[in-house]
PDB file of N, CA and C in Angstrom:
ATOM      1  N   GLN A   1     -98.957  90.708   0.248  1.00  0.00           N
ATOM      2  CA  GLN A   1    -100.029  91.275   1.028  1.00  0.00           C
ATOM      3  C   GLN A   1     -99.928  92.803   0.980  1.00  0.00           C
ATOM      4  N   VAL A   2    -101.038  93.434   0.612  1.00  0.00           N
ATOM      5  CA  VAL A   2    -101.052  94.885   0.533  1.00  0.00           C
ATOM      6  C   VAL A   2    -101.109  95.458   1.948  1.00  0.00           C
ATOM      7  N   GLN A   3    -100.265  96.443   2.205  1.00  0.00           N
ATOM      8  CA  GLN A   3    -100.318  97.099   3.496  1.00  0.00           C
ATOM      9  C   GLN A   3     -99.905  98.555   3.349  1.00  0.00           C
ATOM     10  N   VAL A   4    -100.284  99.349   4.350  1.00  0.00           N
ATOM     11  CA  VAL A   4     -99.892 100.751   4.400  1.00  0.00           C
ATOM     12  C   VAL A   4     -99.300 101.041   5.770  1.00  0.00           C
ATOM     13  N   VAL A   5     -98.301 101.926   5.801  1.00  0.00           N
ATOM     14  CA  VAL A   5     -97.611 102.256   7.036  1.00  0.00           C
ATOM     15  C   VAL A   5     -97.520 103.770   7.162  1.00  0.00           C
ATOM     16  N   GLU A   6     -98.084 104.292   8.252  1.00  0.00           N
ATOM     17  CA  GLU A   6     -98.055 105.725   8.490  1.00  0.00           C
ATOM     18  C   GLU A   6     -96.821 106.125   9.284  1.00  0.00           C
ATOM     19  N   SER A   7     -96.395 107.372   9.095  1.00  0.00           N
ATOM     20  CA  SER A   7     -95.298 107.933   9.871  1.00  0.00           C
ATOM     21  C   SER A   7     -95.455 109.449   9.910  1.00  0.00           C
ATOM     22  N   GLY A   8     -94.702 110.081  10.814  1.00  0.00           N
ATOM     23  CA  GLY A   8     -94.677 111.535  10.852  1.00  0.00           C
ATOM     24  C   GLY A   8     -95.438 112.180  11.998  1.00  0.00           C
ATOM     25  N   GLY A   9     -96.109 111.375  12.801  1.00  0.00           N
ATOM     26  CA  GLY A   9     -96.834 111.948  13.930  1.00  0.00           C
ATOM     27  C   GLY A   9     -95.881 112.417  15.021  1.00  0.00           C
ATOM     28  N   GLY A  10     -96.453 113.079  16.018  1.00  0.00           N
ATOM     29  CA  GLY A  10     -95.638 113.554  17.122  1.00  0.00           C
ATOM     30  C   GLY A  10     -96.352 114.590  17.941  1.00  0.00           C
ATOM     31  N   LEU A  11     -95.599 115.241  18.807  1.00  0.00           N
ATOM     32  CA  LEU A  11     -96.115 116.298  19.667  1.00  0.00           C
ATOM     33  C   LEU A  11     -95.736 117.649  19.068  1.00  0.00           C
ATOM     34  N   VAL A  12     -96.710 118.531  18.951  1.00  0.00           N
ATOM     35  CA  VAL A  12     -96.464 119.848  18.371  1.00  0.00           C
ATOM     36  C   VAL A  12     -97.287 120.874  19.137  1.00  0.00           C
ATOM     37  N   GLN A  13     -96.785 122.085  19.202  1.00  0.00           N
ATOM     38  CA  GLN A  13     -97.513 123.162  19.882  1.00  0.00           C
ATOM     39  C   GLN A  13     -98.631 123.691  18.990  1.00  0.00           C
ATOM     40  N   PRO A  14     -99.658 124.256  19.582  1.00  0.00           N
ATOM     41  CA  PRO A  14    -100.714 124.889  18.773  1.00  0.00           C
ATOM     42  C   PRO A  14    -100.122 125.908  17.802  1.00  0.00           C
ATOM     43  N   GLY A  15    -100.628 125.876  16.574  1.00  0.00           N
ATOM     44  CA  GLY A  15    -100.103 126.731  15.528  1.00  0.00           C
ATOM     45  C   GLY A  15     -98.976 126.116  14.729  1.00  0.00           C
ATOM     46  N   GLY A  16     -98.479 124.992  15.187  1.00  0.00           N
ATOM     47  CA  GLY A  16     -97.380 124.324  14.511  1.00  0.00           C
ATOM     48  C   GLY A  16     -97.827 123.496  13.325  1.00  0.00           C
ATOM     49  N   SER A  17     -96.850 122.782  12.731  1.00  0.00           N
ATOM     50  CA  SER A  17     -97.099 121.985  11.529  1.00  0.00           C
ATOM     51  C   SER A  17     -96.498 120.598  11.674  1.00  0.00           C
ATOM     52  N   LEU A  18     -97.105 119.658  10.991  1.00  0.00           N
ATOM     53  CA  LEU A  18     -96.584 118.304  10.844  1.00  0.00           C
ATOM     54  C   LEU A  18     -96.919 117.815   9.451  1.00  0.00           C
ATOM     55  N   ARG A  19     -96.095 116.898   8.937  1.00  0.00           N
ATOM     56  CA  ARG A  19     -96.431 116.230   7.687  1.00  0.00           C
ATOM     57  C   ARG A  19     -96.462 114.728   7.926  1.00  0.00           C
ATOM     58  N   LEU A  20     -97.614 114.154   7.676  1.00  0.00           N
ATOM     59  CA  LEU A  20     -97.769 112.710   7.779  1.00  0.00           C
ATOM     60  C   LEU A  20     -97.490 112.061   6.425  1.00  0.00           C
ATOM     61  N   SER A  21     -96.932 110.865   6.478  1.00  0.00           N
ATOM     62  CA  SER A  21     -96.698 110.078   5.274  1.00  0.00           C
ATOM     63  C   SER A  21     -97.340 108.707   5.430  1.00  0.00           C
ATOM     64  N   CYS A  22     -97.737 108.148   4.315  1.00  0.00           N
ATOM     65  CA  CYS A  22     -98.316 106.807   4.300  1.00  0.00           C
ATOM     66  C   CYS A  22     -97.695 106.058   3.124  1.00  0.00           C
ATOM     67  N   ALA A  23     -96.838 105.103   3.439  1.00  0.00           N
ATOM     68  CA  ALA A  23     -96.187 104.307   2.413  1.00  0.00           C
ATOM     69  C   ALA A  23     -97.000 103.056   2.151  1.00  0.00           C
ATOM     70  N   ALA A  24     -97.340 102.831   0.885  1.00  0.00           N
ATOM     71  CA  ALA A  24     -98.191 101.703   0.521  1.00  0.00           C
ATOM     72  C   ALA A  24     -97.414 100.680  -0.291  1.00  0.00           C
ATOM     73  N   SER A  25     -97.731  99.429  -0.074  1.00  0.00           N
ATOM     74  CA  SER A  25     -97.155  98.362  -0.881  1.00  0.00           C
ATOM     75  C   SER A  25     -98.189  97.919  -1.911  1.00  0.00           C
ATOM     76  N   GLY A  26     -97.769  97.071  -2.823  1.00  0.00           N
ATOM     77  CA  GLY A  26     -98.690  96.599  -3.838  1.00  0.00           C
ATOM     78  C   GLY A  26     -98.676  97.481  -5.069  1.00  0.00           C
ATOM     79  N   SER A  27     -99.395  97.094  -6.088  1.00  0.00           N
ATOM     80  CA  SER A  27     -99.329  97.767  -7.381  1.00  0.00           C
ATOM     81  C   SER A  27    -100.565  98.587  -7.713  1.00  0.00           C
ATOM     82  N   ILE A  28    -101.493  98.695  -6.776  1.00  0.00           N
ATOM     83  CA  ILE A  28    -102.753  99.352  -7.103  1.00  0.00           C
ATOM     84  C   ILE A  28    -102.827 100.792  -6.635  1.00  0.00           C
ATOM     85  N   PHE A  29    -101.770 101.277  -5.986  1.00  0.00           N
ATOM     86  CA  PHE A  29    -101.816 102.588  -5.330  1.00  0.00           C
ATOM     87  C   PHE A  29    -102.372 103.672  -6.238  1.00  0.00           C
ATOM     88  N   SER A  30    -101.860 103.749  -7.461  1.00  0.00           N
ATOM     89  CA  SER A  30    -102.241 104.846  -8.349  1.00  0.00           C
ATOM     90  C   SER A  30    -103.688 104.759  -8.817  1.00  0.00           C
ATOM     91  N   ARG A  31    -104.308 103.616  -8.630  1.00  0.00           N
ATOM     92  CA  ARG A  31    -105.647 103.410  -9.186  1.00  0.00           C
ATOM     93  C   ARG A  31    -106.775 103.498  -8.163  1.00  0.00           C
ATOM     94  N   VAL A  32    -106.423 103.715  -6.913  1.00  0.00           N
ATOM     95  CA  VAL A  32    -107.460 103.690  -5.876  1.00  0.00           C
ATOM     96  C   VAL A  32    -107.515 105.002  -5.110  1.00  0.00           C
ATOM     97  N   VAL A  33    -108.657 105.184  -4.450  1.00  0.00           N
ATOM     98  CA  VAL A  33    -108.807 106.320  -3.541  1.00  0.00           C
ATOM     99  C   VAL A  33    -107.928 106.100  -2.321  1.00  0.00           C
ATOM    100  N   MET A  34    -107.231 107.147  -1.937  1.00  0.00           N
ATOM    101  CA  MET A  34    -106.439 107.130  -0.717  1.00  0.00           C
ATOM    102  C   MET A  34    -107.021 108.170   0.240  1.00  0.00           C
ATOM    103  N   ALA A  35    -106.995 107.867   1.523  1.00  0.00           N
ATOM    104  CA  ALA A  35    -107.649 108.763   2.477  1.00  0.00           C
ATOM    105  C   ALA A  35    -106.936 108.775   3.821  1.00  0.00           C
ATOM    106  N   TRP A  36    -107.111 109.870   4.516  1.00  0.00           N
ATOM    107  CA  TRP A  36    -106.666 110.005   5.904  1.00  0.00           C
ATOM    108  C   TRP A  36    -107.903 110.092   6.789  1.00  0.00           C
ATOM    109  N   TYR A  37    -107.888 109.339   7.857  1.00  0.00           N
ATOM    110  CA  TYR A  37    -108.916 109.386   8.886  1.00  0.00           C
ATOM    111  C   TYR A  37    -108.228 109.730  10.210  1.00  0.00           C
ATOM    112  N   ARG A  38    -109.032 110.109  11.181  1.00  0.00           N
ATOM    113  CA  ARG A  38    -108.496 110.303  12.528  1.00  0.00           C
ATOM    114  C   ARG A  38    -109.526 109.881  13.563  1.00  0.00           C
ATOM    115  N   GLN A  39    -109.013 109.490  14.715  1.00  0.00           N
ATOM    116  CA  GLN A  39    -109.883 109.095  15.816  1.00  0.00           C
ATOM    117  C   GLN A  39    -109.336 109.680  17.105  1.00  0.00           C
ATOM    118  N   ALA A  40    -110.114 110.568  17.698  1.00  0.00           N
ATOM    119  CA  ALA A  40    -109.745 111.163  18.970  1.00  0.00           C
ATOM    120  C   ALA A  40    -110.294 110.302  20.107  1.00  0.00           C
ATOM    121  N   PRO A  41    -109.726 110.401  21.287  1.00  0.00           N
ATOM    122  CA  PRO A  41    -110.207 109.600  22.424  1.00  0.00           C
ATOM    123  C   PRO A  41    -111.696 109.808  22.672  1.00  0.00           C
ATOM    124  N   GLY A  42    -112.428 108.717  22.753  1.00  0.00           N
ATOM    125  CA  GLY A  42    -113.847 108.783  23.033  1.00  0.00           C
ATOM    126  C   GLY A  42    -114.719 109.194  21.868  1.00  0.00           C
ATOM    127  N   LYS A  43    -114.118 109.324  20.698  1.00  0.00           N
ATOM    128  CA  LYS A  43    -114.888 109.742  19.526  1.00  0.00           C
ATOM    129  C   LYS A  43    -114.797 108.706  18.418  1.00  0.00           C
ATOM    130  N   GLN A  44    -115.722 108.803  17.475  1.00  0.00           N
ATOM    131  CA  GLN A  44    -115.699 107.897  16.336  1.00  0.00           C
ATOM    132  C   GLN A  44    -114.620 108.331  15.339  1.00  0.00           C
ATOM    133  N   ARG A  45    -114.161 107.360  14.586  1.00  0.00           N
ATOM    134  CA  ARG A  45    -113.197 107.667  13.541  1.00  0.00           C
ATOM    135  C   ARG A  45    -113.890 108.512  12.482  1.00  0.00           C
ATOM    136  N   GLU A  46    -113.198 109.563  12.012  1.00  0.00           N
ATOM    137  CA  GLU A  46    -113.782 110.448  11.008  1.00  0.00           C
ATOM    138  C   GLU A  46    -112.841 110.609   9.823  1.00  0.00           C
ATOM    139  N   LEU A  47    -113.437 110.812   8.663  1.00  0.00           N
ATOM    140  CA  LEU A  47    -112.666 111.084   7.455  1.00  0.00           C
ATOM    141  C   LEU A  47    -112.118 112.500   7.525  1.00  0.00           C
ATOM    142  N   VAL A  48    -110.831 112.647   7.305  1.00  0.00           N
ATOM    143  CA  VAL A  48    -110.191 113.962   7.298  1.00  0.00           C
ATOM    144  C   VAL A  48    -110.052 114.481   5.871  1.00  0.00           C
ATOM    145  N   ALA A  49    -109.524 113.643   4.982  1.00  0.00           N
ATOM    146  CA  ALA A  49    -109.304 114.057   3.602  1.00  0.00           C
ATOM    147  C   ALA A  49    -109.160 112.824   2.732  1.00  0.00           C
ATOM    148  N   ALA A  50    -109.552 112.958   1.476  1.00  0.00           N
ATOM    149  CA  ALA A  50    -109.443 111.863   0.534  1.00  0.00           C
ATOM    150  C   ALA A  50    -109.039 112.406  -0.829  1.00  0.00           C
ATOM    151  N   ILE A  51    -108.316 111.577  -1.569  1.00  0.00           N
ATOM    152  CA  ILE A  51    -107.895 111.953  -2.916  1.00  0.00           C
ATOM    153  C   ILE A  51    -108.066 110.743  -3.817  1.00  0.00           C
ATOM    154  N   ASP A  52    -108.724 110.935  -4.957  1.00  0.00           N
ATOM    155  CA  ASP A  52    -108.947 109.788  -5.840  1.00  0.00           C
ATOM    156  C   ASP A  52    -107.849 109.700  -6.889  1.00  0.00           C
ATOM    157  N   SER A  53    -107.981 108.731  -7.793  1.00  0.00           N
ATOM    158  CA  SER A  53    -106.925 108.474  -8.770  1.00  0.00           C
ATOM    159  C   SER A  53    -106.757 109.617  -9.767  1.00  0.00           C
ATOM    160  N   ALA A  54    -107.798 110.435  -9.933  1.00  0.00           N
ATOM    161  CA  ALA A  54    -107.716 111.576 -10.847  1.00  0.00           C
ATOM    162  C   ALA A  54    -107.228 112.835 -10.151  1.00  0.00           C
ATOM    163  N   GLY A  55    -107.057 112.754  -8.834  1.00  0.00           N
ATOM    164  CA  GLY A  55    -106.582 113.910  -8.089  1.00  0.00           C
ATOM    165  C   GLY A  55    -107.668 114.754  -7.467  1.00  0.00           C
ATOM    166  N   SER A  56    -108.912 114.320  -7.569  1.00  0.00           N
ATOM    167  CA  SER A  56    -110.000 115.054  -6.907  1.00  0.00           C
ATOM    168  C   SER A  56    -109.892 114.876  -5.409  1.00  0.00           C
ATOM    169  N   ILE A  57    -110.118 115.961  -4.682  1.00  0.00           N
ATOM    170  CA  ILE A  57    -109.856 115.992  -3.245  1.00  0.00           C
ATOM    171  C   ILE A  57    -111.080 116.460  -2.469  1.00  0.00           C
ATOM    172  N   ASN A  58    -111.272 115.844  -1.313  1.00  0.00           N
ATOM    173  CA  ASN A  58    -112.297 116.290  -0.380  1.00  0.00           C
ATOM    174  C   ASN A  58    -111.687 116.415   1.015  1.00  0.00           C
ATOM    175  N   TYR A  59    -112.158 117.415   1.761  1.00  0.00           N
ATOM    176  CA  TYR A  59    -111.726 117.625   3.141  1.00  0.00           C
ATOM    177  C   TYR A  59    -112.937 117.740   4.052  1.00  0.00           C
ATOM    178  N   VAL A  60    -112.768 117.325   5.292  1.00  0.00           N
ATOM    179  CA  VAL A  60    -113.771 117.645   6.294  1.00  0.00           C
ATOM    180  C   VAL A  60    -113.684 119.143   6.564  1.00  0.00           C
ATOM    181  N   ASP A  61    -114.806 119.769   6.860  1.00  0.00           N
ATOM    182  CA  ASP A  61    -114.843 121.232   6.986  1.00  0.00           C
ATOM    183  C   ASP A  61    -113.848 121.764   8.025  1.00  0.00           C
ATOM    184  N   SER A  62    -113.637 121.011   9.078  1.00  0.00           N
ATOM    185  CA  SER A  62    -112.812 121.509  10.178  1.00  0.00           C
ATOM    186  C   SER A  62    -111.332 121.664   9.825  1.00  0.00           C
ATOM    187  N   VAL A  63    -110.886 121.081   8.710  1.00  0.00           N
ATOM    188  CA  VAL A  63    -109.467 121.178   8.339  1.00  0.00           C
ATOM    189  C   VAL A  63    -109.249 121.953   7.050  1.00  0.00           C
ATOM    190  N   LYS A  64    -110.307 122.394   6.412  1.00  0.00           N
ATOM    191  CA  LYS A  64    -110.178 123.140   5.154  1.00  0.00           C
ATOM    192  C   LYS A  64    -109.357 124.406   5.367  1.00  0.00           C
ATOM    193  N   GLY A  65    -108.406 124.617   4.472  1.00  0.00           N
ATOM    194  CA  GLY A  65    -107.538 125.771   4.576  1.00  0.00           C
ATOM    195  C   GLY A  65    -106.322 125.559   5.452  1.00  0.00           C
ATOM    196  N   ARG A  66    -106.289 124.452   6.186  1.00  0.00           N
ATOM    197  CA  ARG A  66    -105.152 124.167   7.071  1.00  0.00           C
ATOM    198  C   ARG A  66    -104.397 122.902   6.662  1.00  0.00           C
ATOM    199  N   PHE A  67    -105.112 121.891   6.182  1.00  0.00           N
ATOM    200  CA  PHE A  67    -104.509 120.617   5.810  1.00  0.00           C
ATOM    201  C   PHE A  67    -104.482 120.484   4.293  1.00  0.00           C
ATOM    202  N   THR A  68    -103.461 119.790   3.797  1.00  0.00           N
ATOM    203  CA  THR A  68    -103.355 119.515   2.367  1.00  0.00           C
ATOM    204  C   THR A  68    -102.998 118.047   2.165  1.00  0.00           C
ATOM    205  N   ILE A  69    -103.840 117.343   1.426  1.00  0.00           N
ATOM    206  CA  ILE A  69    -103.572 115.951   1.087  1.00  0.00           C
ATOM    207  C   ILE A  69    -102.930 115.904  -0.300  1.00  0.00           C
ATOM    208  N   SER A  70    -101.985 115.000  -0.467  1.00  0.00           N
ATOM    209  CA  SER A  70    -101.354 114.837  -1.777  1.00  0.00           C
ATOM    210  C   SER A  70    -100.860 113.404  -1.909  1.00  0.00           C
ATOM    211  N   ARG A  71    -100.573 113.008  -3.121  1.00  0.00           N
ATOM    212  CA  ARG A  71    -100.092 111.656  -3.373  1.00  0.00           C
ATOM    213  C   ARG A  71     -98.970 111.689  -4.386  1.00  0.00           C
ATOM    214  N   ASP A  72     -98.013 110.796  -4.224  1.00  0.00           N
ATOM    215  CA  ASP A  72     -96.924 110.603  -5.170  1.00  0.00           C
ATOM    216  C   ASP A  72     -97.043 109.165  -5.671  1.00  0.00           C
ATOM    217  N   ASN A  73     -97.637 109.013  -6.837  1.00  0.00           N
ATOM    218  CA  ASN A  73     -97.876 107.667  -7.357  1.00  0.00           C
ATOM    219  C   ASN A  73     -96.572 106.929  -7.669  1.00  0.00           C
ATOM    220  N   ALA A  74     -95.546 107.657  -8.044  1.00  0.00           N
ATOM    221  CA  ALA A  74     -94.265 107.015  -8.347  1.00  0.00           C
ATOM    222  C   ALA A  74     -93.650 106.379  -7.108  1.00  0.00           C
ATOM    223  N   LYS A  75     -93.935 106.978  -5.952  1.00  0.00           N
ATOM    224  CA  LYS A  75     -93.402 106.459  -4.689  1.00  0.00           C
ATOM    225  C   LYS A  75     -94.443 105.675  -3.895  1.00  0.00           C
ATOM    226  N   SER A  76     -95.653 105.561  -4.427  1.00  0.00           N
ATOM    227  CA  SER A  76     -96.749 104.893  -3.709  1.00  0.00           C
ATOM    228  C   SER A  76     -96.882 105.448  -2.290  1.00  0.00           C
ATOM    229  N   THR A  77     -96.867 106.753  -2.198  1.00  0.00           N
ATOM    230  CA  THR A  77     -96.907 107.413  -0.895  1.00  0.00           C
ATOM    231  C   THR A  77     -97.967 108.504  -0.876  1.00  0.00           C
ATOM    232  N   LEU A  78     -98.695 108.527   0.218  1.00  0.00           N
ATOM    233  CA  LEU A  78     -99.721 109.530   0.475  1.00  0.00           C
ATOM    234  C   LEU A  78     -99.210 110.467   1.559  1.00  0.00           C
ATOM    235  N   TYR A  79     -99.551 111.744   1.463  1.00  0.00           N
ATOM    236  CA  TYR A  79     -99.094 112.728   2.438  1.00  0.00           C
ATOM    237  C   TYR A  79    -100.277 113.512   3.004  1.00  0.00           C
ATOM    238  N   LEU A  80    -100.065 114.046   4.184  1.00  0.00           N
ATOM    239  CA  LEU A  80    -101.007 115.002   4.760  1.00  0.00           C
ATOM    240  C   LEU A  80    -100.180 116.103   5.427  1.00  0.00           C
ATOM    241  N   GLN A  81    -100.164 117.262   4.801  1.00  0.00           N
ATOM    242  CA  GLN A  81     -99.496 118.417   5.385  1.00  0.00           C
ATOM    243  C   GLN A  81    -100.499 119.119   6.286  1.00  0.00           C
ATOM    244  N   MET A  82    -100.139 119.267   7.548  1.00  0.00           N
ATOM    245  CA  MET A  82    -101.039 119.854   8.538  1.00  0.00           C
ATOM    246  C   MET A  82    -100.413 121.125   9.094  1.00  0.00           C
ATOM    247  N   ASN A  83    -101.047 122.227   8.840  1.00  0.00           N
ATOM    248  CA  ASN A  83    -100.575 123.534   9.321  1.00  0.00           C
ATOM    249  C   ASN A  83    -101.591 124.124  10.297  1.00  0.00           C
ATOM    250  N   SER A  84    -101.147 125.125  11.028  1.00  0.00           N
ATOM    251  CA  SER A  84    -102.027 125.810  11.995  1.00  0.00           C
ATOM    252  C   SER A  84    -102.762 124.815  12.877  1.00  0.00           C
ATOM    253  N   LEU A  85    -102.026 123.880  13.405  1.00  0.00           N
ATOM    254  CA  LEU A  85    -102.639 122.813  14.196  1.00  0.00           C
ATOM    255  C   LEU A  85    -103.276 123.346  15.465  1.00  0.00           C
ATOM    256  N   LYS A  86    -104.373 122.708  15.842  1.00  0.00           N
ATOM    257  CA  LYS A  86    -105.147 123.093  17.025  1.00  0.00           C
ATOM    258  C   LYS A  86    -105.218 121.895  17.983  1.00  0.00           C
ATOM    259  N   PRO A  87    -105.444 122.148  19.253  1.00  0.00           N
ATOM    260  CA  PRO A  87    -105.569 121.029  20.203  1.00  0.00           C
ATOM    261  C   PRO A  87    -106.631 120.023  19.784  1.00  0.00           C
ATOM    262  N   GLU A  88    -107.686 120.495  19.144  1.00  0.00           N
ATOM    263  CA  GLU A  88    -108.743 119.574  18.715  1.00  0.00           C
ATOM    264  C   GLU A  88    -108.343 118.688  17.536  1.00  0.00           C
ATOM    265  N   ASP A  89    -107.174 118.912  16.970  1.00  0.00           N
ATOM    266  CA  ASP A  89    -106.648 118.018  15.938  1.00  0.00           C
ATOM    267  C   ASP A  89    -105.956 116.797  16.555  1.00  0.00           C
ATOM    268  N   THR A  90    -105.812 116.792  17.860  1.00  0.00           N
ATOM    269  CA  THR A  90    -105.179 115.667  18.542  1.00  0.00           C
ATOM    270  C   THR A  90    -105.976 114.385  18.301  1.00  0.00           C
ATOM    271  N   ALA A  91    -105.301 113.373  17.784  1.00  0.00           N
ATOM    272  CA  ALA A  91    -105.962 112.105  17.441  1.00  0.00           C
ATOM    273  C   ALA A  91    -104.923 111.130  16.919  1.00  0.00           C
ATOM    274  N   VAL A  92    -105.343 109.900  16.761  1.00  0.00           N
ATOM    275  CA  VAL A  92    -104.560 108.943  15.989  1.00  0.00           C
ATOM    276  C   VAL A  92    -105.009 109.075  14.539  1.00  0.00           C
ATOM    277  N   TYR A  93    -104.043 109.263  13.652  1.00  0.00           N
ATOM    278  CA  TYR A  93    -104.344 109.447  12.241  1.00  0.00           C
ATOM    279  C   TYR A  93    -104.042 108.150  11.487  1.00  0.00           C
ATOM    280  N   TYR A  94    -105.020 107.737  10.693  1.00  0.00           N
ATOM    281  CA  TYR A  94    -104.924 106.490   9.947  1.00  0.00           C
ATOM    282  C   TYR A  94    -104.959 106.756   8.447  1.00  0.00           C
ATOM    283  N   CYS A  95    -104.220 105.951   7.734  1.00  0.00           N
ATOM    284  CA  CYS A  95    -104.236 105.962   6.274  1.00  0.00           C
ATOM    285  C   CYS A  95    -105.105 104.791   5.805  1.00  0.00           C
ATOM    286  N   ARG A  96    -105.874 105.013   4.763  1.00  0.00           N
ATOM    287  CA  ARG A  96    -106.671 103.942   4.167  1.00  0.00           C
ATOM    288  C   ARG A  96    -106.420 103.894   2.672  1.00  0.00           C
ATOM    289  N   GLN A  97    -106.127 102.710   2.168  1.00  0.00           N
ATOM    290  CA  GLN A  97    -105.941 102.495   0.737  1.00  0.00           C
ATOM    291  C   GLN A  97    -107.141 101.736   0.192  1.00  0.00           C
ATOM    292  N   GLY A  98    -107.785 102.321  -0.806  1.00  0.00           N
ATOM    293  CA  GLY A  98    -108.940 101.659  -1.371  1.00  0.00           C
ATOM    294  C   GLY A  98    -110.043 101.524  -0.336  1.00  0.00           C
ATOM    295  N   PRO A  99    -110.876 100.491  -0.457  1.00  0.00           N
ATOM    296  CA  PRO A  99    -112.012 100.374   0.455  1.00  0.00           C
ATOM    297  C   PRO A  99    -111.693  99.774   1.811  1.00  0.00           C
ATOM    298  N   GLY A 100    -110.553  99.061   1.922  1.00  0.00           N
ATOM    299  CA  GLY A 100    -110.433  98.340   3.177  1.00  0.00           C
ATOM    300  C   GLY A 100    -109.061  98.072   3.738  1.00  0.00           C
ATOM    301  N   VAL A 101    -108.012  98.687   3.209  1.00  0.00           N
ATOM    302  CA  VAL A 101    -106.670  98.467   3.746  1.00  0.00           C
ATOM    303  C   VAL A 101    -106.300  99.632   4.645  1.00  0.00           C
ATOM    304  N   TRP A 102    -106.115  99.338   5.912  1.00  0.00           N
ATOM    305  CA  TRP A 102    -105.835 100.362   6.919  1.00  0.00           C
ATOM    306  C   TRP A 102    -104.438 100.183   7.503  1.00  0.00           C
ATOM    307  N   GLY A 103    -103.842 101.321   7.864  1.00  0.00           N
ATOM    308  CA  GLY A 103    -102.594 101.264   8.602  1.00  0.00           C
ATOM    309  C   GLY A 103    -102.846 101.162  10.089  1.00  0.00           C
ATOM    310  N   GLN A 104    -101.744 101.136  10.853  1.00  0.00           N
ATOM    311  CA  GLN A 104    -101.845 101.023  12.302  1.00  0.00           C
ATOM    312  C   GLN A 104    -102.056 102.370  12.984  1.00  0.00           C
ATOM    313  N   GLY A 105    -101.826 103.431  12.275  1.00  0.00           N
ATOM    314  CA  GLY A 105    -102.058 104.759  12.820  1.00  0.00           C
ATOM    315  C   GLY A 105    -100.806 105.405  13.368  1.00  0.00           C
ATOM    316  N   THR A 106    -100.828 106.734  13.410  1.00  0.00           N
ATOM    317  CA  THR A 106     -99.742 107.510  13.994  1.00  0.00           C
ATOM    318  C   THR A 106    -100.360 108.599  14.874  1.00  0.00           C
ATOM    319  N   GLN A 107     -99.815 108.757  16.064  1.00  0.00           N
ATOM    320  CA  GLN A 107    -100.396 109.680  17.039  1.00  0.00           C
ATOM    321  C   GLN A 107     -99.963 111.105  16.734  1.00  0.00           C
ATOM    322  N   VAL A 108    -100.932 112.009  16.723  1.00  0.00           N
ATOM    323  CA  VAL A 108    -100.663 113.441  16.616  1.00  0.00           C
ATOM    324  C   VAL A 108    -101.225 114.104  17.876  1.00  0.00           C
ATOM    325  N   THR A 109    -100.368 114.804  18.598  1.00  0.00           N
ATOM    326  CA  THR A 109    -100.774 115.488  19.811  1.00  0.00           C
ATOM    327  C   THR A 109    -100.433 116.964  19.686  1.00  0.00           C
ATOM    328  N   VAL A 110    -101.441 117.804  19.835  1.00  0.00           N
ATOM    329  CA  VAL A 110    -101.244 119.245  19.742  1.00  0.00           C
ATOM    330  C   VAL A 110    -101.485 119.828  21.136  1.00  0.00           C
ATOM    331  N   SER A 111    -100.413 120.287  21.741  1.00  0.00           N
ATOM    332  CA  SER A 111    -100.502 120.744  23.118  1.00  0.00           C
ATOM    333  C   SER A 111     -99.367 121.706  23.420  1.00  0.00           C
ATOM    334  N   ALA A 112     -99.672 122.673  24.279  1.00  0.00           N
ATOM    335  CA  ALA A 112     -98.629 123.598  24.728  1.00  0.00           C
ATOM    336  C   ALA A 112     -97.823 122.975  25.867  1.00  0.00           C
TER     337      ALA A 112
END
């Protein structure tokens, strides 16, 4: 059964950094789009960043210049480096593999 597991969330002060990881099982990792989403309390889940099998990347405007998505196909792992974090980045962050495999999420809280 294909699954993904996120890690790396936590509490950080404004301006701080975190790196999220998403470990994927199965053999299709290198061939599919991988993405990070987030859902803040009372809000809809939104796409944060995505990277396809060729390495093309898209970001939501609110994180451009602060977040970096990357993938290590040899390790079947997706990353999200988050710098200059703001309170509005507080959310549960989810990893998605391909069109429909989701992780359980990892909480990111940005607060003084």
